[in-house]
C-alpha cells in the first residue's frame, strides 16, 4: 500500500486508537520484565489491582469495583534485594503532578525503604519522549522540602536518571539500580 505523504497526517488521524492511553510505559516495562526473567537477571511482576466482581452474566463481568487501593505497580527481587516501584506517564512538558502518586502509595514506598528495599518511580514525559527513574528517597526529599504540587521537569533532569530506551531490555532500570541504587 502506498500512502501519499501529503495526506499521511489526515490518514493517521483516522486510525488513532485512544483505548490504551498511558499504557505505553506499562507495556515497555512488561516487555523489559519478561526479558529480565528470561535472562535470569531479576524477577519483577506487575501487581494486579484487587477487584471484587459483583455481577456476571454468561461469564462476562457486568459489575465490579476496586476492592482496596493497590500499593505500587511493580515488585520483585534483584540480587537478593526487594525492589518496588510505581510507573507513570505525563503529557506535561514542565512537570509531573504529585497527586498522581496517591498517599497510600507514598506510605507504602516509605515502608519499603524503612525495611531496606529499593524503591523508585519511573516517570515518562511523553512529549519529550524521555523516561526517568527517580529513587523514592529523592522524591521524599522534594515533597518534604517543597510546597509545590508538582515535580518540575528540571528536577528530573537534576536528580533522576534518564533511562535510554533500547531494543532489549527496552527500559533498562536494572542498570541504574546496579550503578546508582546501592547494590553491592
C-alpha atoms as a PDB file:
ATOM      1  CA  UNK A   1       0.000   0.000   0.000  1.00  0.00           C
ATOM      2  CA  UNK A   2       1.401   3.386  -0.978  1.00  0.00           C
ATOM      3  CA  UNK A   3       0.391   6.392   1.095  1.00  0.00           C
ATOM      4  CA  UNK A   4       0.716   9.860  -0.333  1.00  0.00           C
ATOM      5  CA  UNK A   5       2.831  11.693   2.282  1.00  0.00           C
ATOM      6  CA  UNK A   6       0.815  14.880   1.844  1.00  0.00           C
ATOM      7  CA  UNK A   7      -2.298  13.068   3.013  1.00  0.00           C
ATOM      8  CA  UNK A   8      -0.498  10.919   5.600  1.00  0.00           C
ATOM      9  CA  UNK A   9      -1.423  13.045   8.644  1.00  0.00           C
ATOM     10  CA  UNK A  10      -5.059  13.021   7.525  1.00  0.00           C
ATOM     11  CA  UNK A  11      -4.844   9.221   7.127  1.00  0.00           C
ATOM     12  CA  UNK A  12      -3.151   8.863  10.517  1.00  0.00           C
ATOM     13  CA  UNK A  13      -5.878  10.836  12.337  1.00  0.00           C
ATOM     14  CA  UNK A  14      -8.428   8.311  11.152  1.00  0.00           C
ATOM     15  CA  UNK A  15      -6.613   5.330  12.675  1.00  0.00           C
ATOM     16  CA  UNK A  16      -5.616   6.682  16.104  1.00  0.00           C
ATOM     17  CA  UNK A  17      -6.975   4.489  18.876  1.00  0.00           C
ATOM     18  CA  UNK A  18      -7.189   6.045  22.351  1.00  0.00           C
ATOM     19  CA  UNK A  19      -8.250   2.857  24.172  1.00  0.00           C
ATOM     20  CA  UNK A  20      -4.895   2.277  25.863  1.00  0.00           C
ATOM     21  CA  UNK A  21      -3.627   5.768  26.597  1.00  0.00           C
ATOM     22  CA  UNK A  22      -0.996   5.676  29.321  1.00  0.00           C
ATOM     23  CA  UNK A  23      -0.237   2.033  28.651  1.00  0.00           C
ATOM     24  CA  UNK A  24       2.890   2.549  26.537  1.00  0.00           C
ATOM     25  CA  UNK A  25       5.208   2.732  29.540  1.00  0.00           C
ATOM     26  CA  UNK A  26       3.466  -0.199  31.182  1.00  0.00           C
ATOM     27  CA  UNK A  27       3.827  -2.295  28.019  1.00  0.00           C
ATOM     28  CA  UNK A  28       7.515  -1.369  27.752  1.00  0.00           C
ATOM     29  CA  UNK A  29       8.067  -2.320  31.396  1.00  0.00           C
ATOM     30  CA  UNK A  30       6.247  -5.621  30.984  1.00  0.00           C
ATOM     31  CA  UNK A  31       8.455  -6.451  27.981  1.00  0.00           C
ATOM     32  CA  UNK A  32      11.520  -5.412  29.981  1.00  0.00           C
ATOM     33  CA  UNK A  33      10.482  -7.568  32.935  1.00  0.00           C
ATOM     34  CA  UNK A  34       9.961 -10.567  30.628  1.00  0.00           C
ATOM     35  CA  UNK A  35      13.478 -10.001  29.282  1.00  0.00           C
ATOM     36  CA  UNK A  36      14.889  -9.875  32.837  1.00  0.00           C
ATOM     37  CA  UNK A  37      13.040 -13.071  33.734  1.00  0.00           C
ATOM     38  CA  UNK A  38      14.081 -14.908  30.539  1.00  0.00           C
ATOM     39  CA  UNK A  39      17.746 -13.944  31.070  1.00  0.00           C
ATOM     40  CA  UNK A  40      17.571 -14.743  34.824  1.00  0.00           C
ATOM     41  CA  UNK A  41      18.544 -11.176  35.709  1.00  0.00           C
ATOM     42  CA  UNK A  42      15.612 -10.298  38.005  1.00  0.00           C
ATOM     43  CA  UNK A  43      12.112 -11.424  38.886  1.00  0.00           C
ATOM     44  CA  UNK A  44       9.717  -8.486  38.691  1.00  0.00           C
ATOM     45  CA  UNK A  45       5.953  -8.623  38.202  1.00  0.00           C
ATOM     46  CA  UNK A  46       3.109  -6.193  37.664  1.00  0.00           C
ATOM     47  CA  UNK A  47       0.837  -6.305  40.684  1.00  0.00           C
ATOM     48  CA  UNK A  48      -2.832  -6.898  39.899  1.00  0.00           C
ATOM     49  CA  UNK A  49      -5.321  -4.396  41.269  1.00  0.00           C
ATOM     50  CA  UNK A  50      -7.727  -6.184  43.650  1.00  0.00           C
ATOM     51  CA  UNK A  51     -11.177  -6.213  42.034  1.00  0.00           C
ATOM     52  CA  UNK A  52     -14.425  -7.500  43.580  1.00  0.00           C
ATOM     53  CA  UNK A  53     -16.808  -8.937  40.988  1.00  0.00           C
ATOM     54  CA  UNK A  54     -20.401  -8.110  41.894  1.00  0.00           C
ATOM     55  CA  UNK A  55     -22.279  -9.488  38.887  1.00  0.00           C
ATOM     56  CA  UNK A  56     -21.537 -11.825  35.978  1.00  0.00           C
ATOM     57  CA  UNK A  57     -23.760 -12.771  33.074  1.00  0.00           C
ATOM     58  CA  UNK A  58     -22.668 -15.735  30.947  1.00  0.00           C
ATOM     59  CA  UNK A  59     -19.086 -15.402  32.131  1.00  0.00           C
ATOM     60  CA  UNK A  60     -18.956 -11.666  31.329  1.00  0.00           C
ATOM     61  CA  UNK A  61     -18.333  -9.290  34.222  1.00  0.00           C
ATOM     62  CA  UNK A  62     -21.095  -6.679  34.187  1.00  0.00           C
ATOM     63  CA  UNK A  63     -20.473  -5.047  37.570  1.00  0.00           C
ATOM     64  CA  UNK A  64     -17.277  -4.811  39.620  1.00  0.00           C
ATOM     65  CA  UNK A  65     -15.379  -2.388  41.822  1.00  0.00           C
ATOM     66  CA  UNK A  66     -11.869  -1.957  43.169  1.00  0.00           C
ATOM     67  CA  UNK A  67     -11.823  -3.883  46.427  1.00  0.00           C
ATOM     68  CA  UNK A  68      -8.973  -1.974  48.055  1.00  0.00           C
ATOM     69  CA  UNK A  69      -6.393   0.572  46.946  1.00  0.00           C
ATOM     70  CA  UNK A  70      -3.392  -1.009  45.310  1.00  0.00           C
ATOM     71  CA  UNK A  71       0.099  -0.174  46.511  1.00  0.00           C
ATOM     72  CA  UNK A  72       2.607   0.350  43.694  1.00  0.00           C
ATOM     73  CA  UNK A  73       2.623  -1.085  40.178  1.00  0.00           C
ATOM     74  CA  UNK A  74       5.581  -3.492  40.282  1.00  0.00           C
ATOM     75  CA  UNK A  75       7.599  -5.514  42.761  1.00  0.00           C
ATOM     76  CA  UNK A  76      10.200  -8.226  42.693  1.00  0.00           C
ATOM     77  CA  UNK A  77      13.718  -9.236  43.579  1.00  0.00           C
ATOM     78  CA  UNK A  78      17.138  -8.500  42.155  1.00  0.00           C
ATOM     79  CA  UNK A  79      20.368  -9.962  43.616  1.00  0.00           C
ATOM     80  CA  UNK A  80      18.614 -10.583  46.935  1.00  0.00           C
ATOM     81  CA  UNK A  81      17.204  -7.040  47.120  1.00  0.00           C
ATOM     82  CA  UNK A  82      13.486  -6.392  47.183  1.00  0.00           C
ATOM     83  CA  UNK A  83      12.521  -3.795  44.574  1.00  0.00           C
ATOM     84  CA  UNK A  84       9.237  -1.966  44.378  1.00  0.00           C
ATOM     85  CA  UNK A  85       8.189   0.827  42.027  1.00  0.00           C
ATOM     86  CA  UNK A  86       5.418   2.892  40.550  1.00  0.00           C
ATOM     87  CA  UNK A  87       5.268   3.786  36.851  1.00  0.00           C
ATOM     88  CA  UNK A  88       3.536   6.877  35.488  1.00  0.00           C
ATOM     89  CA  UNK A  89       3.305   8.848  32.267  1.00  0.00           C
ATOM     90  CA  UNK A  90       2.665  12.551  31.890  1.00  0.00           C
ATOM     91  CA  UNK A  91       1.895  14.695  28.865  1.00  0.00           C
ATOM     92  CA  UNK A  92       3.119  17.823  30.639  1.00  0.00           C
ATOM     93  CA  UNK A  93       6.305  19.349  29.275  1.00  0.00           C
ATOM     94  CA  UNK A  94       7.114  21.184  32.506  1.00  0.00           C
ATOM     95  CA  UNK A  95       6.244  18.982  35.496  1.00  0.00           C
ATOM     96  CA  UNK A  96       4.785  15.810  36.986  1.00  0.00           C
ATOM     97  CA  UNK A  97       1.761  16.264  39.301  1.00  0.00           C
ATOM     98  CA  UNK A  98       2.472  14.836  42.765  1.00  0.00           C
ATOM     99  CA  UNK A  99      -1.226  13.979  43.155  1.00  0.00           C
ATOM    100  CA  UNK A 100      -0.664  11.221  40.577  1.00  0.00           C
ATOM    101  CA  UNK A 101       1.128   9.301  43.337  1.00  0.00           C
ATOM    102  CA  UNK A 102      -1.564   8.589  45.916  1.00  0.00           C
ATOM    103  CA  UNK A 103      -0.984   8.938  49.664  1.00  0.00           C
ATOM    104  CA  UNK A 104      -1.371   5.184  50.298  1.00  0.00           C
ATOM    105  CA  UNK A 105       1.312   4.578  47.638  1.00  0.00           C
ATOM    106  CA  UNK A 106       3.631   7.094  49.300  1.00  0.00           C
ATOM    107  CA  UNK A 107       3.069   5.367  52.667  1.00  0.00           C
ATOM    108  CA  UNK A 108       3.844   2.007  51.066  1.00  0.00           C
ATOM    109  CA  UNK A 109       7.040   3.340  49.468  1.00  0.00           C
ATOM    110  CA  UNK A 110       8.211   4.732  52.819  1.00  0.00           C
ATOM    111  CA  UNK A 111       7.673   1.316  54.421  1.00  0.00           C
ATOM    112  CA  UNK A 112       9.632  -0.412  51.651  1.00  0.00           C
ATOM    113  CA  UNK A 113      12.587   1.928  52.244  1.00  0.00           C
ATOM    114  CA  UNK A 114      12.320   1.531  56.032  1.00  0.00           C
ATOM    115  CA  UNK A 115      12.664  -2.234  55.570  1.00  0.00           C
ATOM    116  CA  UNK A 116      15.723  -1.957  53.346  1.00  0.00           C
ATOM    117  CA  UNK A 117      14.035  -2.368  49.961  1.00  0.00           C
ATOM    118  CA  UNK A 118      14.890  -0.420  46.838  1.00  0.00           C
ATOM    119  CA  UNK A 119      12.010   1.815  45.870  1.00  0.00           C
ATOM    120  CA  UNK A 120      11.613   4.244  42.989  1.00  0.00           C
ATOM    121  CA  UNK A 121       9.265   5.851  40.499  1.00  0.00           C
ATOM    122  CA  UNK A 122       9.618   5.571  36.747  1.00  0.00           C
ATOM    123  CA  UNK A 123       8.165   8.610  35.001  1.00  0.00           C
ATOM    124  CA  UNK A 124       7.803   9.013  31.261  1.00  0.00           C
ATOM    125  CA  UNK A 125       7.459  12.524  29.861  1.00  0.00           C
ATOM    126  CA  UNK A 126       5.636  11.602  26.667  1.00  0.00           C
ATOM    127  CA  UNK A 127       6.083  14.951  24.880  1.00  0.00           C
ATOM    128  CA  UNK A 128       9.867  14.790  25.365  1.00  0.00           C
ATOM    129  CA  UNK A 129       9.914  11.016  24.825  1.00  0.00           C
ATOM    130  CA  UNK A 130      12.072  10.697  27.952  1.00  0.00           C
ATOM    131  CA  UNK A 131      11.806   8.165  30.746  1.00  0.00           C
ATOM    132  CA  UNK A 132      13.356   8.775  34.170  1.00  0.00           C
ATOM    133  CA  UNK A 133      13.992   6.691  37.259  1.00  0.00           C
ATOM    134  CA  UNK A 134      13.607   8.740  40.442  1.00  0.00           C
ATOM    135  CA  UNK A 135      14.612   6.999  43.655  1.00  0.00           C
ATOM    136  CA  UNK A 136      11.949   7.306  46.358  1.00  0.00           C
ATOM    137  CA  UNK A 137      14.394   8.983  48.780  1.00  0.00           C
ATOM    138  CA  UNK A 138      14.781  11.877  46.304  1.00  0.00           C
ATOM    139  CA  UNK A 139      11.013  12.012  45.799  1.00  0.00           C
ATOM    140  CA  UNK A 140      10.512  12.193  49.569  1.00  0.00           C
ATOM    141  CA  UNK A 141      13.166  14.917  49.929  1.00  0.00           C
ATOM    142  CA  UNK A 142      11.326  17.007  47.372  1.00  0.00           C
ATOM    143  CA  UNK A 143       7.863  16.623  48.903  1.00  0.00           C
ATOM    144  CA  UNK A 144       9.237  17.231  52.414  1.00  0.00           C
ATOM    145  CA  UNK A 145      11.155  20.385  51.397  1.00  0.00           C
ATOM    146  CA  UNK A 146       8.704  21.974  48.948  1.00  0.00           C
ATOM    147  CA  UNK A 147       5.146  23.220  48.921  1.00  0.00           C
ATOM    148  CA  UNK A 148       4.797  22.664  45.161  1.00  0.00           C
ATOM    149  CA  UNK A 149       2.076  20.385  43.877  1.00  0.00           C
ATOM    150  CA  UNK A 150       4.264  19.078  41.081  1.00  0.00           C
ATOM    151  CA  UNK A 151       7.804  17.920  40.461  1.00  0.00           C
ATOM    152  CA  UNK A 152       9.405  20.216  37.885  1.00  0.00           C
ATOM    153  CA  UNK A 153      10.828  18.628  34.744  1.00  0.00           C
ATOM    154  CA  UNK A 154      14.176  20.244  35.648  1.00  0.00           C
ATOM    155  CA  UNK A 155      14.127  18.344  38.959  1.00  0.00           C
ATOM    156  CA  UNK A 156      14.113  15.106  36.953  1.00  0.00           C
ATOM    157  CA  UNK A 157      16.978  16.385  34.817  1.00  0.00           C
ATOM    158  CA  UNK A 158      18.983  17.091  38.014  1.00  0.00           C
ATOM    159  CA  UNK A 159      18.001  14.291  40.443  1.00  0.00           C
ATOM    160  CA  UNK A 160      16.579  11.431  38.398  1.00  0.00           C
ATOM    161  CA  UNK A 161      18.291   9.078  35.969  1.00  0.00           C
ATOM    162  CA  UNK A 162      17.414   9.177  32.282  1.00  0.00           C
ATOM    163  CA  UNK A 163      16.722   5.672  31.008  1.00  0.00           C
ATOM    164  CA  UNK A 164      17.833   5.411  27.408  1.00  0.00           C
ATOM    165  CA  UNK A 165      15.401   3.162  25.570  1.00  0.00           C
ATOM    166  CA  UNK A 166      16.889   0.144  23.824  1.00  0.00           C
ATOM    167  CA  UNK A 167      15.658  -2.854  21.936  1.00  0.00           C
ATOM    168  CA  UNK A 168      16.371  -5.289  24.771  1.00  0.00           C
ATOM    169  CA  UNK A 169      15.798  -4.621  27.531  1.00  0.00           C
ATOM    170  CA  UNK A 170      13.506  -1.797  26.458  1.00  0.00           C
ATOM    171  CA  UNK A 171      13.575   0.196  29.736  1.00  0.00           C
ATOM    172  CA  UNK A 172      16.762  -0.972  31.476  1.00  0.00           C
ATOM    173  CA  UNK A 173      16.083   0.215  35.010  1.00  0.00           C
ATOM    174  CA  UNK A 174      18.214  -2.601  36.494  1.00  0.00           C
ATOM    175  CA  UNK A 175      21.305  -0.925  35.030  1.00  0.00           C
ATOM    176  CA  UNK A 176      20.500   2.216  37.040  1.00  0.00           C
ATOM    177  CA  UNK A 177      19.813   0.221  40.207  1.00  0.00           C
ATOM    178  CA  UNK A 178      23.103  -1.621  39.727  1.00  0.00           C
ATOM    179  CA  UNK A 179      25.141   1.545  39.224  1.00  0.00           C
ATOM    180  CA  UNK A 180      23.344   4.089  41.419  1.00  0.00           C
ATOM    181  CA  UNK A 181      20.939   2.225  43.731  1.00  0.00           C
ATOM    182  CA  UNK A 182      23.286   0.995  46.417  1.00  0.00           C
ATOM    183  CA  UNK A 183      23.679  -2.573  45.158  1.00  0.00           C
ATOM    184  CA  UNK A 184      26.929  -4.087  46.386  1.00  0.00           C
END
